[in-house]
ModelCIF file with pLDDT and N, C-alpha, C, O atoms, coordinates in Angstrom:
data_MODEL
#
_entry.id   MODEL 
#
_entity.id                         1 
_entity.type                       polymer 
_entity.pdbx_number_of_molecules   1 
#
_entity_poly.entity_id                      1 
_entity_poly.type                           'polypeptide(L)' 
_entity_poly.nstd_linkage                   no 
_entity_poly.nstd_monomer                   no 
_entity_poly.pdbx_seq_one_letter_code       PALSFTGPRNYATGLTPQSVAIGDLNGDGKPDLATASVTWGTVSVFLN 
_entity_poly.pdbx_seq_one_letter_code_can   PALSFTGPRNYATGLTPQSVAIGDLNGDGKPDLATASVTWGTVSVFLN 
_entity_poly.pdbx_strand_id                 A 
#
loop_
_entity_poly_seq.entity_id 
_entity_poly_seq.num 
_entity_poly_seq.mon_id 
_entity_poly_seq.hetero 
1 1  PRO n 
1 2  ALA n 
1 3  LEU n 
1 4  SER n 
1 5  PHE n 
1 6  THR n 
1 7  GLY n 
1 8  PRO n 
1 9  ARG n 
1 10 ASN n 
1 11 TYR n 
1 12 ALA n 
1 13 THR n 
1 14 GLY n 
1 15 LEU n 
1 16 THR n 
1 17 PRO n 
1 18 GLN n 
1 19 SER n 
1 20 VAL n 
1 21 ALA n 
1 22 ILE n 
1 23 GLY n 
1 24 ASP n 
1 25 LEU n 
1 26 ASN n 
1 27 GLY n 
1 28 ASP n 
1 29 GLY n 
1 30 LYS n 
1 31 PRO n 
1 32 ASP n 
1 33 LEU n 
1 34 ALA n 
1 35 THR n 
1 36 ALA n 
1 37 SER n 
1 38 VAL n 
1 39 THR n 
1 40 TRP n 
1 41 GLY n 
1 42 THR n 
1 43 VAL n 
1 44 SER n 
1 45 VAL n 
1 46 PHE n 
1 47 LEU n 
1 48 ASN n 
#
_struct_asym.id          A 
_struct_asym.entity_id   1 
#
loop_
_ma_qa_metric.id 
_ma_qa_metric.mode 
_ma_qa_metric.name 
_ma_qa_metric.software_group_id 
_ma_qa_metric.type 
1 global pLDDT . pLDDT 
2 local  pLDDT . pLDDT 
#
_ma_qa_metric_global.metric_id      1 
_ma_qa_metric_global.metric_value   94.67 
_ma_qa_metric_global.model_id       1 
_ma_qa_metric_global.ordinal_id     1 
#
loop_
_ma_qa_metric_local.label_asym_id 
_ma_qa_metric_local.label_comp_id 
_ma_qa_metric_local.label_seq_id 
_ma_qa_metric_local.metric_id 
_ma_qa_metric_local.metric_value 
_ma_qa_metric_local.model_id 
_ma_qa_metric_local.ordinal_id 
A PRO 1  2 68.00 1 1  
A ALA 2  2 78.00 1 2  
A LEU 3  2 88.00 1 3  
A SER 4  2 88.00 1 4  
A PHE 5  2 91.00 1 5  
A THR 6  2 88.00 1 6  
A GLY 7  2 83.00 1 7  
A PRO 8  2 89.00 1 8  
A ARG 9  2 93.00 1 9  
A ASN 10 2 95.00 1 10 
A TYR 11 2 97.00 1 11 
A ALA 12 2 97.00 1 12 
A THR 13 2 97.00 1 13 
A GLY 14 2 95.00 1 14 
A LEU 15 2 96.00 1 15 
A THR 16 2 95.00 1 16 
A PRO 17 2 96.00 1 17 
A GLN 18 2 88.00 1 18 
A SER 19 2 95.00 1 19 
A VAL 20 2 97.00 1 20 
A ALA 21 2 98.00 1 21 
A ILE 22 2 98.00 1 22 
A GLY 23 2 98.00 1 23 
A ASP 24 2 98.00 1 24 
A LEU 25 2 98.00 1 25 
A ASN 26 2 97.00 1 26 
A GLY 27 2 97.00 1 27 
A ASP 28 2 97.00 1 28 
A GLY 29 2 96.00 1 29 
A LYS 30 2 97.00 1 30 
A PRO 31 2 98.00 1 31 
A ASP 32 2 98.00 1 32 
A LEU 33 2 98.00 1 33 
A ALA 34 2 98.00 1 34 
A THR 35 2 98.00 1 35 
A ALA 36 2 97.00 1 36 
A SER 37 2 97.00 1 37 
A VAL 38 2 96.00 1 38 
A THR 39 2 96.00 1 39 
A TRP 40 2 97.00 1 40 
A GLY 41 2 97.00 1 41 
A THR 42 2 98.00 1 42 
A VAL 43 2 98.00 1 43 
A SER 44 2 98.00 1 44 
A VAL 45 2 98.00 1 45 
A PHE 46 2 98.00 1 46 
A LEU 47 2 98.00 1 47 
A ASN 48 2 98.00 1 48 
#
loop_
_atom_site.group_PDB 
_atom_site.id 
_atom_site.type_symbol 
_atom_site.label_atom_id 
_atom_site.label_alt_id 
_atom_site.label_comp_id 
_atom_site.label_asym_id 
_atom_site.label_entity_id 
_atom_site.label_seq_id 
_atom_site.pdbx_PDB_ins_code 
_atom_site.Cartn_x 
_atom_site.Cartn_y 
_atom_site.Cartn_z 
_atom_site.occupancy 
_atom_site.B_iso_or_equiv 
_atom_site.pdbx_formal_charge 
_atom_site.auth_seq_id 
_atom_site.auth_comp_id 
_atom_site.auth_asym_id 
_atom_site.auth_atom_id 
_atom_site.pdbx_PDB_model_num 
ATOM 1   N N  . PRO A 1 1  ? 3.113   -15.193 -1.074  1.00 68.00 ? 1  PRO A N  1 
ATOM 2   C CA . PRO A 1 1  ? 3.852   -15.971 -2.086  1.00 68.00 ? 1  PRO A CA 1 
ATOM 3   C C  . PRO A 1 1  ? 4.486   -15.055 -3.107  1.00 68.00 ? 1  PRO A C  1 
ATOM 4   O O  . PRO A 1 1  ? 4.163   -13.871 -3.196  1.00 68.00 ? 1  PRO A O  1 
ATOM 5   N N  . ALA A 1 2  ? 5.424   -15.645 -3.901  1.00 78.00 ? 2  ALA A N  1 
ATOM 6   C CA . ALA A 1 2  ? 6.016   -14.794 -5.020  1.00 78.00 ? 2  ALA A CA 1 
ATOM 7   C C  . ALA A 1 2  ? 4.939   -14.432 -5.992  1.00 78.00 ? 2  ALA A C  1 
ATOM 8   O O  . ALA A 1 2  ? 4.082   -15.245 -6.336  1.00 78.00 ? 2  ALA A O  1 
ATOM 9   N N  . LEU A 1 3  ? 4.995   -13.133 -6.456  1.00 88.00 ? 3  LEU A N  1 
ATOM 10  C CA . LEU A 1 3  ? 3.956   -12.640 -7.311  1.00 88.00 ? 3  LEU A CA 1 
ATOM 11  C C  . LEU A 1 3  ? 4.176   -13.195 -8.738  1.00 88.00 ? 3  LEU A C  1 
ATOM 12  O O  . LEU A 1 3  ? 5.301   -13.230 -9.236  1.00 88.00 ? 3  LEU A O  1 
ATOM 13  N N  . SER A 1 4  ? 3.093   -13.617 -9.365  1.00 88.00 ? 4  SER A N  1 
ATOM 14  C CA . SER A 1 4  ? 3.225   -14.147 -10.754 1.00 88.00 ? 4  SER A CA 1 
ATOM 15  C C  . SER A 1 4  ? 1.874   -13.963 -11.396 1.00 88.00 ? 4  SER A C  1 
ATOM 16  O O  . SER A 1 4  ? 0.859   -13.817 -10.716 1.00 88.00 ? 4  SER A O  1 
ATOM 17  N N  . PHE A 1 5  ? 1.872   -13.970 -12.736 1.00 91.00 ? 5  PHE A N  1 
ATOM 18  C CA . PHE A 1 5  ? 0.681   -13.735 -13.540 1.00 91.00 ? 5  PHE A CA 1 
ATOM 19  C C  . PHE A 1 5  ? 0.734   -14.667 -14.702 1.00 91.00 ? 5  PHE A C  1 
ATOM 20  O O  . PHE A 1 5  ? 1.812   -15.040 -15.165 1.00 91.00 ? 5  PHE A O  1 
ATOM 21  N N  . THR A 1 6  ? -0.480  -15.068 -15.203 1.00 88.00 ? 6  THR A N  1 
ATOM 22  C CA . THR A 1 6  ? -0.514  -15.737 -16.493 1.00 88.00 ? 6  THR A CA 1 
ATOM 23  C C  . THR A 1 6  ? -0.109  -14.724 -17.544 1.00 88.00 ? 6  THR A C  1 
ATOM 24  O O  . THR A 1 6  ? -0.096  -13.516 -17.308 1.00 88.00 ? 6  THR A O  1 
ATOM 25  N N  . GLY A 1 7  ? 0.226   -15.259 -18.724 1.00 83.00 ? 7  GLY A N  1 
ATOM 26  C CA . GLY A 1 7  ? 0.369   -14.485 -19.903 1.00 83.00 ? 7  GLY A CA 1 
ATOM 27  C C  . GLY A 1 7  ? -0.993  -13.926 -20.265 1.00 83.00 ? 7  GLY A C  1 
ATOM 28  O O  . GLY A 1 7  ? -2.012  -14.475 -19.847 1.00 83.00 ? 7  GLY A O  1 
ATOM 29  N N  . PRO A 1 8  ? -1.033  -12.819 -21.052 1.00 89.00 ? 8  PRO A N  1 
ATOM 30  C CA . PRO A 1 8  ? -2.222  -12.137 -21.317 1.00 89.00 ? 8  PRO A CA 1 
ATOM 31  C C  . PRO A 1 8  ? -3.237  -12.958 -22.123 1.00 89.00 ? 8  PRO A C  1 
ATOM 32  O O  . PRO A 1 8  ? -2.880  -13.591 -23.116 1.00 89.00 ? 8  PRO A O  1 
ATOM 33  N N  . ARG A 1 9  ? -4.537  -12.941 -21.678 1.00 93.00 ? 9  ARG A N  1 
ATOM 34  C CA . ARG A 1 9  ? -5.562  -13.471 -22.493 1.00 93.00 ? 9  ARG A CA 1 
ATOM 35  C C  . ARG A 1 9  ? -6.184  -12.264 -23.209 1.00 93.00 ? 9  ARG A C  1 
ATOM 36  O O  . ARG A 1 9  ? -6.643  -11.334 -22.546 1.00 93.00 ? 9  ARG A O  1 
ATOM 37  N N  . ASN A 1 10 ? -6.207  -12.262 -24.579 1.00 95.00 ? 10 ASN A N  1 
ATOM 38  C CA . ASN A 1 10 ? -6.520  -11.093 -25.309 1.00 95.00 ? 10 ASN A CA 1 
ATOM 39  C C  . ASN A 1 10 ? -7.904  -11.166 -25.901 1.00 95.00 ? 10 ASN A C  1 
ATOM 40  O O  . ASN A 1 10 ? -8.374  -12.234 -26.293 1.00 95.00 ? 10 ASN A O  1 
ATOM 41  N N  . TYR A 1 11 ? -8.564  -9.997  -25.964 1.00 97.00 ? 11 TYR A N  1 
ATOM 42  C CA . TYR A 1 11 ? -9.911  -9.829  -26.513 1.00 97.00 ? 11 TYR A CA 1 
ATOM 43  C C  . TYR A 1 11 ? -9.895  -8.615  -27.457 1.00 97.00 ? 11 TYR A C  1 
ATOM 44  O O  . TYR A 1 11 ? -9.332  -7.561  -27.159 1.00 97.00 ? 11 TYR A O  1 
ATOM 45  N N  . ALA A 1 12 ? -10.532 -8.821  -28.591 1.00 97.00 ? 12 ALA A N  1 
ATOM 46  C CA . ALA A 1 12 ? -10.583 -7.744  -29.593 1.00 97.00 ? 12 ALA A CA 1 
ATOM 47  C C  . ALA A 1 12 ? -11.516 -6.633  -29.130 1.00 97.00 ? 12 ALA A C  1 
ATOM 48  O O  . ALA A 1 12 ? -12.609 -6.891  -28.627 1.00 97.00 ? 12 ALA A O  1 
ATOM 49  N N  . THR A 1 13 ? -11.057 -5.365  -29.313 1.00 97.00 ? 13 THR A N  1 
ATOM 50  C CA . THR A 1 13 ? -11.816 -4.166  -28.885 1.00 97.00 ? 13 THR A CA 1 
ATOM 51  C C  . THR A 1 13 ? -12.088 -3.355  -30.133 1.00 97.00 ? 13 THR A C  1 
ATOM 52  O O  . THR A 1 13 ? -11.705 -3.725  -31.242 1.00 97.00 ? 13 THR A O  1 
ATOM 53  N N  . GLY A 1 14 ? -12.771 -2.223  -29.917 1.00 95.00 ? 14 GLY A N  1 
ATOM 54  C CA . GLY A 1 14 ? -12.806 -1.189  -31.014 1.00 95.00 ? 14 GLY A CA 1 
ATOM 55  C C  . GLY A 1 14 ? -11.385 -0.681  -31.272 1.00 95.00 ? 14 GLY A C  1 
ATOM 56  O O  . GLY A 1 14 ? -10.489 -0.904  -30.459 1.00 95.00 ? 14 GLY A O  1 
ATOM 57  N N  . LEU A 1 15 ? -11.179 0.002   -32.406 1.00 96.00 ? 15 LEU A N  1 
ATOM 58  C CA . LEU A 1 15 ? -9.926  0.453   -32.805 1.00 96.00 ? 15 LEU A CA 1 
ATOM 59  C C  . LEU A 1 15 ? -9.392  1.577   -31.851 1.00 96.00 ? 15 LEU A C  1 
ATOM 60  O O  . LEU A 1 15 ? -10.120 2.493   -31.470 1.00 96.00 ? 15 LEU A O  1 
ATOM 61  N N  . THR A 1 16 ? -8.091  1.452   -31.493 1.00 95.00 ? 16 THR A N  1 
ATOM 62  C CA . THR A 1 16 ? -7.400  2.369   -30.623 1.00 95.00 ? 16 THR A CA 1 
ATOM 63  C C  . THR A 1 16 ? -8.122  2.579   -29.286 1.00 95.00 ? 16 THR A C  1 
ATOM 64  O O  . THR A 1 16 ? -8.658  3.650   -28.997 1.00 95.00 ? 16 THR A O  1 
ATOM 65  N N  . PRO A 1 17 ? -8.111  1.522   -28.498 1.00 96.00 ? 17 PRO A N  1 
ATOM 66  C CA . PRO A 1 17 ? -8.709  1.668   -27.153 1.00 96.00 ? 17 PRO A CA 1 
ATOM 67  C C  . PRO A 1 17 ? -7.818  2.479   -26.210 1.00 96.00 ? 17 PRO A C  1 
ATOM 68  O O  . PRO A 1 17 ? -6.655  2.135   -25.998 1.00 96.00 ? 17 PRO A O  1 
ATOM 69  N N  . GLN A 1 18 ? -8.344  3.506   -25.674 1.00 88.00 ? 18 GLN A N  1 
ATOM 70  C CA . GLN A 1 18 ? -7.510  4.429   -24.943 1.00 88.00 ? 18 GLN A CA 1 
ATOM 71  C C  . GLN A 1 18 ? -7.549  4.169   -23.383 1.00 88.00 ? 18 GLN A C  1 
ATOM 72  O O  . GLN A 1 18 ? -6.623  4.584   -22.687 1.00 88.00 ? 18 GLN A O  1 
ATOM 73  N N  . SER A 1 19 ? -8.540  3.532   -22.869 1.00 95.00 ? 19 SER A N  1 
ATOM 74  C CA . SER A 1 19 ? -8.550  3.263   -21.386 1.00 95.00 ? 19 SER A CA 1 
ATOM 75  C C  . SER A 1 19 ? -9.432  2.071   -21.140 1.00 95.00 ? 19 SER A C  1 
ATOM 76  O O  . SER A 1 19 ? -10.170 1.622   -22.016 1.00 95.00 ? 19 SER A O  1 
ATOM 77  N N  . VAL A 1 20 ? -9.335  1.550   -19.883 1.00 97.00 ? 20 VAL A N  1 
ATOM 78  C CA . VAL A 1 20 ? -10.046 0.416   -19.474 1.00 97.00 ? 20 VAL A CA 1 
ATOM 79  C C  . VAL A 1 20 ? -10.582 0.712   -18.039 1.00 97.00 ? 20 VAL A C  1 
ATOM 80  O O  . VAL A 1 20 ? -9.886  1.325   -17.228 1.00 97.00 ? 20 VAL A O  1 
ATOM 81  N N  . ALA A 1 21 ? -11.780 0.284   -17.757 1.00 98.00 ? 21 ALA A N  1 
ATOM 82  C CA . ALA A 1 21 ? -12.382 0.421   -16.429 1.00 98.00 ? 21 ALA A CA 1 
ATOM 83  C C  . ALA A 1 21 ? -13.020 -0.814  -15.965 1.00 98.00 ? 21 ALA A C  1 
ATOM 84  O O  . ALA A 1 21 ? -13.435 -1.611  -16.807 1.00 98.00 ? 21 ALA A O  1 
ATOM 85  N N  . ILE A 1 22 ? -13.145 -1.058  -14.695 1.00 98.00 ? 22 ILE A N  1 
ATOM 86  C CA . ILE A 1 22 ? -13.567 -2.321  -14.094 1.00 98.00 ? 22 ILE A CA 1 
ATOM 87  C C  . ILE A 1 22 ? -14.822 -2.022  -13.225 1.00 98.00 ? 22 ILE A C  1 
ATOM 88  O O  . ILE A 1 22 ? -14.810 -1.097  -12.413 1.00 98.00 ? 22 ILE A O  1 
ATOM 89  N N  . GLY A 1 23 ? -15.896 -2.817  -13.411 1.00 98.00 ? 23 GLY A N  1 
ATOM 90  C CA . GLY A 1 23 ? -17.119 -2.643  -12.549 1.00 98.00 ? 23 GLY A CA 1 
ATOM 91  C C  . GLY A 1 23 ? -18.109 -3.742  -12.926 1.00 98.00 ? 23 GLY A C  1 
ATOM 92  O O  . GLY A 1 23 ? -18.058 -4.295  -14.024 1.00 98.00 ? 23 GLY A O  1 
ATOM 93  N N  . ASP A 1 24 ? -19.044 -4.054  -11.958 1.00 98.00 ? 24 ASP A N  1 
ATOM 94  C CA . ASP A 1 24 ? -20.087 -5.077  -12.319 1.00 98.00 ? 24 ASP A CA 1 
ATOM 95  C C  . ASP A 1 24 ? -21.213 -4.369  -13.000 1.00 98.00 ? 24 ASP A C  1 
ATOM 96  O O  . ASP A 1 24 ? -22.045 -3.700  -12.387 1.00 98.00 ? 24 ASP A O  1 
ATOM 97  N N  . LEU A 1 25 ? -21.205 -4.552  -14.338 1.00 98.00 ? 25 LEU A N  1 
ATOM 98  C CA . LEU A 1 25 ? -22.119 -3.847  -15.199 1.00 98.00 ? 25 LEU A CA 1 
ATOM 99  C C  . LEU A 1 25 ? -23.443 -4.529  -15.417 1.00 98.00 ? 25 LEU A C  1 
ATOM 100 O O  . LEU A 1 25 ? -24.388 -3.890  -15.879 1.00 98.00 ? 25 LEU A O  1 
ATOM 101 N N  . ASN A 1 26 ? -23.550 -5.827  -15.097 1.00 97.00 ? 26 ASN A N  1 
ATOM 102 C CA . ASN A 1 26 ? -24.836 -6.524  -15.304 1.00 97.00 ? 26 ASN A CA 1 
ATOM 103 C C  . ASN A 1 26 ? -25.342 -7.150  -13.963 1.00 97.00 ? 26 ASN A C  1 
ATOM 104 O O  . ASN A 1 26 ? -26.246 -7.986  -13.982 1.00 97.00 ? 26 ASN A O  1 
ATOM 105 N N  . GLY A 1 27 ? -24.787 -6.765  -12.864 1.00 97.00 ? 27 GLY A N  1 
ATOM 106 C CA . GLY A 1 27 ? -25.389 -7.114  -11.584 1.00 97.00 ? 27 GLY A CA 1 
ATOM 107 C C  . GLY A 1 27 ? -25.299 -8.528  -11.208 1.00 97.00 ? 27 GLY A C  1 
ATOM 108 O O  . GLY A 1 27 ? -26.123 -8.965  -10.406 1.00 97.00 ? 27 GLY A O  1 
ATOM 109 N N  . ASP A 1 28 ? -24.382 -9.306  -11.700 1.00 97.00 ? 28 ASP A N  1 
ATOM 110 C CA . ASP A 1 28 ? -24.194 -10.746 -11.375 1.00 97.00 ? 28 ASP A CA 1 
ATOM 111 C C  . ASP A 1 28 ? -23.088 -10.984 -10.350 1.00 97.00 ? 28 ASP A C  1 
ATOM 112 O O  . ASP A 1 28 ? -22.709 -12.120 -10.068 1.00 97.00 ? 28 ASP A O  1 
ATOM 113 N N  . GLY A 1 29 ? -22.576 -9.869  -9.797  1.00 96.00 ? 29 GLY A N  1 
ATOM 114 C CA . GLY A 1 29 ? -21.499 -10.030 -8.781  1.00 96.00 ? 29 GLY A CA 1 
ATOM 115 C C  . GLY A 1 29 ? -20.102 -10.257 -9.280  1.00 96.00 ? 29 GLY A C  1 
ATOM 116 O O  . GLY A 1 29 ? -19.181 -10.443 -8.484  1.00 96.00 ? 29 GLY A O  1 
ATOM 117 N N  . LYS A 1 30 ? -19.922 -10.246 -10.586 1.00 97.00 ? 30 LYS A N  1 
ATOM 118 C CA . LYS A 1 30 ? -18.599 -10.457 -11.161 1.00 97.00 ? 30 LYS A CA 1 
ATOM 119 C C  . LYS A 1 30 ? -18.231 -9.170  -11.849 1.00 97.00 ? 30 LYS A C  1 
ATOM 120 O O  . LYS A 1 30 ? -19.060 -8.583  -12.544 1.00 97.00 ? 30 LYS A O  1 
ATOM 121 N N  . PRO A 1 31 ? -17.019 -8.719  -11.675 1.00 98.00 ? 31 PRO A N  1 
ATOM 122 C CA . PRO A 1 31 ? -16.508 -7.488  -12.260 1.00 98.00 ? 31 PRO A CA 1 
ATOM 123 C C  . PRO A 1 31 ? -16.344 -7.662  -13.786 1.00 98.00 ? 31 PRO A C  1 
ATOM 124 O O  . PRO A 1 31 ? -15.735 -8.629  -14.243 1.00 98.00 ? 31 PRO A O  1 
ATOM 125 N N  . ASP A 1 32 ? -16.883 -6.736  -14.544 1.00 98.00 ? 32 ASP A N  1 
ATOM 126 C CA . ASP A 1 32 ? -16.780 -6.677  -15.973 1.00 98.00 ? 32 ASP A CA 1 
ATOM 127 C C  . ASP A 1 32 ? -15.791 -5.586  -16.441 1.00 98.00 ? 32 ASP A C  1 
ATOM 128 O O  . ASP A 1 32 ? -15.276 -4.838  -15.609 1.00 98.00 ? 32 ASP A O  1 
ATOM 129 N N  . LEU A 1 33 ? -15.531 -5.487  -17.692 1.00 98.00 ? 33 LEU A N  1 
ATOM 130 C CA . LEU A 1 33 ? -14.577 -4.578  -18.280 1.00 98.00 ? 33 LEU A CA 1 
ATOM 131 C C  . LEU A 1 33 ? -15.215 -3.684  -19.313 1.00 98.00 ? 33 LEU A C  1 
ATOM 132 O O  . LEU A 1 33 ? -16.123 -4.112  -20.026 1.00 98.00 ? 33 LEU A O  1 
ATOM 133 N N  . ALA A 1 34 ? -14.756 -2.439  -19.411 1.00 98.00 ? 34 ALA A N  1 
ATOM 134 C CA . ALA A 1 34 ? -15.258 -1.530  -20.444 1.00 98.00 ? 34 ALA A CA 1 
ATOM 135 C C  . ALA A 1 34 ? -14.052 -0.776  -20.996 1.00 98.00 ? 34 ALA A C  1 
ATOM 136 O O  . ALA A 1 34 ? -13.211 -0.319  -20.222 1.00 98.00 ? 34 ALA A O  1 
ATOM 137 N N  . THR A 1 35 ? -13.952 -0.639  -22.308 1.00 98.00 ? 35 THR A N  1 
ATOM 138 C CA . THR A 1 35 ? -12.919 0.081   -22.990 1.00 98.00 ? 35 THR A CA 1 
ATOM 139 C C  . THR A 1 35 ? -13.616 1.159   -23.917 1.00 98.00 ? 35 THR A C  1 
ATOM 140 O O  . THR A 1 35 ? -14.794 1.071   -24.264 1.00 98.00 ? 35 THR A O  1 
ATOM 141 N N  . ALA A 1 36 ? -12.781 2.160   -24.273 1.00 97.00 ? 36 ALA A N  1 
ATOM 142 C CA . ALA A 1 36 ? -13.182 3.208   -25.151 1.00 97.00 ? 36 ALA A CA 1 
ATOM 143 C C  . ALA A 1 36 ? -12.312 3.269   -26.359 1.00 97.00 ? 36 ALA A C  1 
ATOM 144 O O  . ALA A 1 36 ? -11.087 3.280   -26.244 1.00 97.00 ? 36 ALA A O  1 
ATOM 145 N N  . SER A 1 37 ? -12.950 3.311   -27.588 1.00 97.00 ? 37 SER A N  1 
ATOM 146 C CA . SER A 1 37 ? -12.252 3.348   -28.853 1.00 97.00 ? 37 SER A CA 1 
ATOM 147 C C  . SER A 1 37 ? -12.249 4.757   -29.437 1.00 97.00 ? 37 SER A C  1 
ATOM 148 O O  . SER A 1 37 ? -13.296 5.265   -29.838 1.00 97.00 ? 37 SER A O  1 
ATOM 149 N N  . VAL A 1 38 ? -11.082 5.388   -29.489 1.00 96.00 ? 38 VAL A N  1 
ATOM 150 C CA . VAL A 1 38 ? -10.963 6.722   -29.974 1.00 96.00 ? 38 VAL A CA 1 
ATOM 151 C C  . VAL A 1 38 ? -11.382 6.783   -31.421 1.00 96.00 ? 38 VAL A C  1 
ATOM 152 O O  . VAL A 1 38 ? -12.172 7.659   -31.772 1.00 96.00 ? 38 VAL A O  1 
ATOM 153 N N  . THR A 1 39 ? -10.918 5.935   -32.254 1.00 96.00 ? 39 THR A N  1 
ATOM 154 C CA . THR A 1 39 ? -11.174 6.016   -33.649 1.00 96.00 ? 39 THR A CA 1 
ATOM 155 C C  . THR A 1 39 ? -12.641 5.780   -34.038 1.00 96.00 ? 39 THR A C  1 
ATOM 156 O O  . THR A 1 39 ? -13.187 6.452   -34.913 1.00 96.00 ? 39 THR A O  1 
ATOM 157 N N  . TRP A 1 40 ? -13.251 4.818   -33.370 1.00 97.00 ? 40 TRP A N  1 
ATOM 158 C CA . TRP A 1 40 ? -14.609 4.448   -33.758 1.00 97.00 ? 40 TRP A CA 1 
ATOM 159 C C  . TRP A 1 40 ? -15.706 5.278   -32.983 1.00 97.00 ? 40 TRP A C  1 
ATOM 160 O O  . TRP A 1 40 ? -16.879 5.313   -33.355 1.00 97.00 ? 40 TRP A O  1 
ATOM 161 N N  . GLY A 1 41 ? -15.233 5.930   -31.895 1.00 97.00 ? 41 GLY A N  1 
ATOM 162 C CA . GLY A 1 41 ? -16.248 6.676   -31.102 1.00 97.00 ? 41 GLY A CA 1 
ATOM 163 C C  . GLY A 1 41 ? -17.265 5.744   -30.479 1.00 97.00 ? 41 GLY A C  1 
ATOM 164 O O  . GLY A 1 41 ? -18.476 5.950   -30.564 1.00 97.00 ? 41 GLY A O  1 
ATOM 165 N N  . THR A 1 42 ? -16.715 4.686   -29.835 1.00 98.00 ? 42 THR A N  1 
ATOM 166 C CA . THR A 1 42 ? -17.598 3.668   -29.217 1.00 98.00 ? 42 THR A CA 1 
ATOM 167 C C  . THR A 1 42 ? -17.008 3.197   -27.823 1.00 98.00 ? 42 THR A C  1 
ATOM 168 O O  . THR A 1 42 ? -15.835 3.402   -27.515 1.00 98.00 ? 42 THR A O  1 
ATOM 169 N N  . VAL A 1 43 ? -17.860 2.591   -27.061 1.00 98.00 ? 43 VAL A N  1 
ATOM 170 C CA . VAL A 1 43 ? -17.380 1.857   -25.933 1.00 98.00 ? 43 VAL A CA 1 
ATOM 171 C C  . VAL A 1 43 ? -17.655 0.385   -26.182 1.00 98.00 ? 43 VAL A C  1 
ATOM 172 O O  . VAL A 1 43 ? -18.661 0.014   -26.787 1.00 98.00 ? 43 VAL A O  1 
ATOM 173 N N  . SER A 1 44 ? -16.717 -0.465  -25.689 1.00 98.00 ? 44 SER A N  1 
ATOM 174 C CA . SER A 1 44 ? -16.935 -1.930  -25.727 1.00 98.00 ? 44 SER A CA 1 
ATOM 175 C C  . SER A 1 44 ? -17.027 -2.437  -24.307 1.00 98.00 ? 44 SER A C  1 
ATOM 176 O O  . SER A 1 44 ? -16.206 -2.093  -23.457 1.00 98.00 ? 44 SER A O  1 
ATOM 177 N N  . VAL A 1 45 ? -18.039 -3.264  -24.054 1.00 98.00 ? 45 VAL A N  1 
ATOM 178 C CA . VAL A 1 45 ? -18.285 -3.875  -22.733 1.00 98.00 ? 45 VAL A CA 1 
ATOM 179 C C  . VAL A 1 45 ? -17.942 -5.298  -22.855 1.00 98.00 ? 45 VAL A C  1 
ATOM 180 O O  . VAL A 1 45 ? -18.295 -5.924  -23.854 1.00 98.00 ? 45 VAL A O  1 
ATOM 181 N N  . PHE A 1 46 ? -17.253 -5.874  -21.868 1.00 98.00 ? 46 PHE A N  1 
ATOM 182 C CA . PHE A 1 46 ? -16.878 -7.243  -21.815 1.00 98.00 ? 46 PHE A CA 1 
ATOM 183 C C  . PHE A 1 46 ? -17.455 -7.864  -20.542 1.00 98.00 ? 46 PHE A C  1 
ATOM 184 O O  . PHE A 1 46 ? -16.958 -7.544  -19.462 1.00 98.00 ? 46 PHE A O  1 
ATOM 185 N N  . LEU A 1 47 ? -18.432 -8.699  -20.593 1.00 98.00 ? 47 LEU A N  1 
ATOM 186 C CA . LEU A 1 47 ? -19.118 -9.295  -19.441 1.00 98.00 ? 47 LEU A CA 1 
ATOM 187 C C  . LEU A 1 47 ? -18.370 -10.511 -18.999 1.00 98.00 ? 47 LEU A C  1 
ATOM 188 O O  . LEU A 1 47 ? -17.957 -11.331 -19.819 1.00 98.00 ? 47 LEU A O  1 
ATOM 189 N N  . ASN A 1 48 ? -18.189 -10.639 -17.685 1.00 98.00 ? 48 ASN A N  1 
ATOM 190 C CA . ASN A 1 48 ? -17.388 -11.654 -17.119 1.00 98.00 ? 48 ASN A CA 1 
ATOM 191 C C  . ASN A 1 48 ? -18.211 -12.987 -17.067 1.00 98.00 ? 48 ASN A C  1 
ATOM 192 O O  . ASN A 1 48 ? -17.702 -14.009 -16.606 1.00 98.00 ? 48 ASN A O  1 
#
C-alpha cells in the first residue's frame, strides 16, 4: 500500500538529545527507546 505515517507523537527528553536507539530494555517483548542528552550528560529511557 501507499506509504503513510501519523504526525509525530512527541515526548520530552533531556536537553539537546543527540541520538536515539531502539531495543527491548525491560524484557516485555516491546521495543523501547533511549536518547542521550549532550547538555545534561544523561540518557533518557522511554518504555513502551
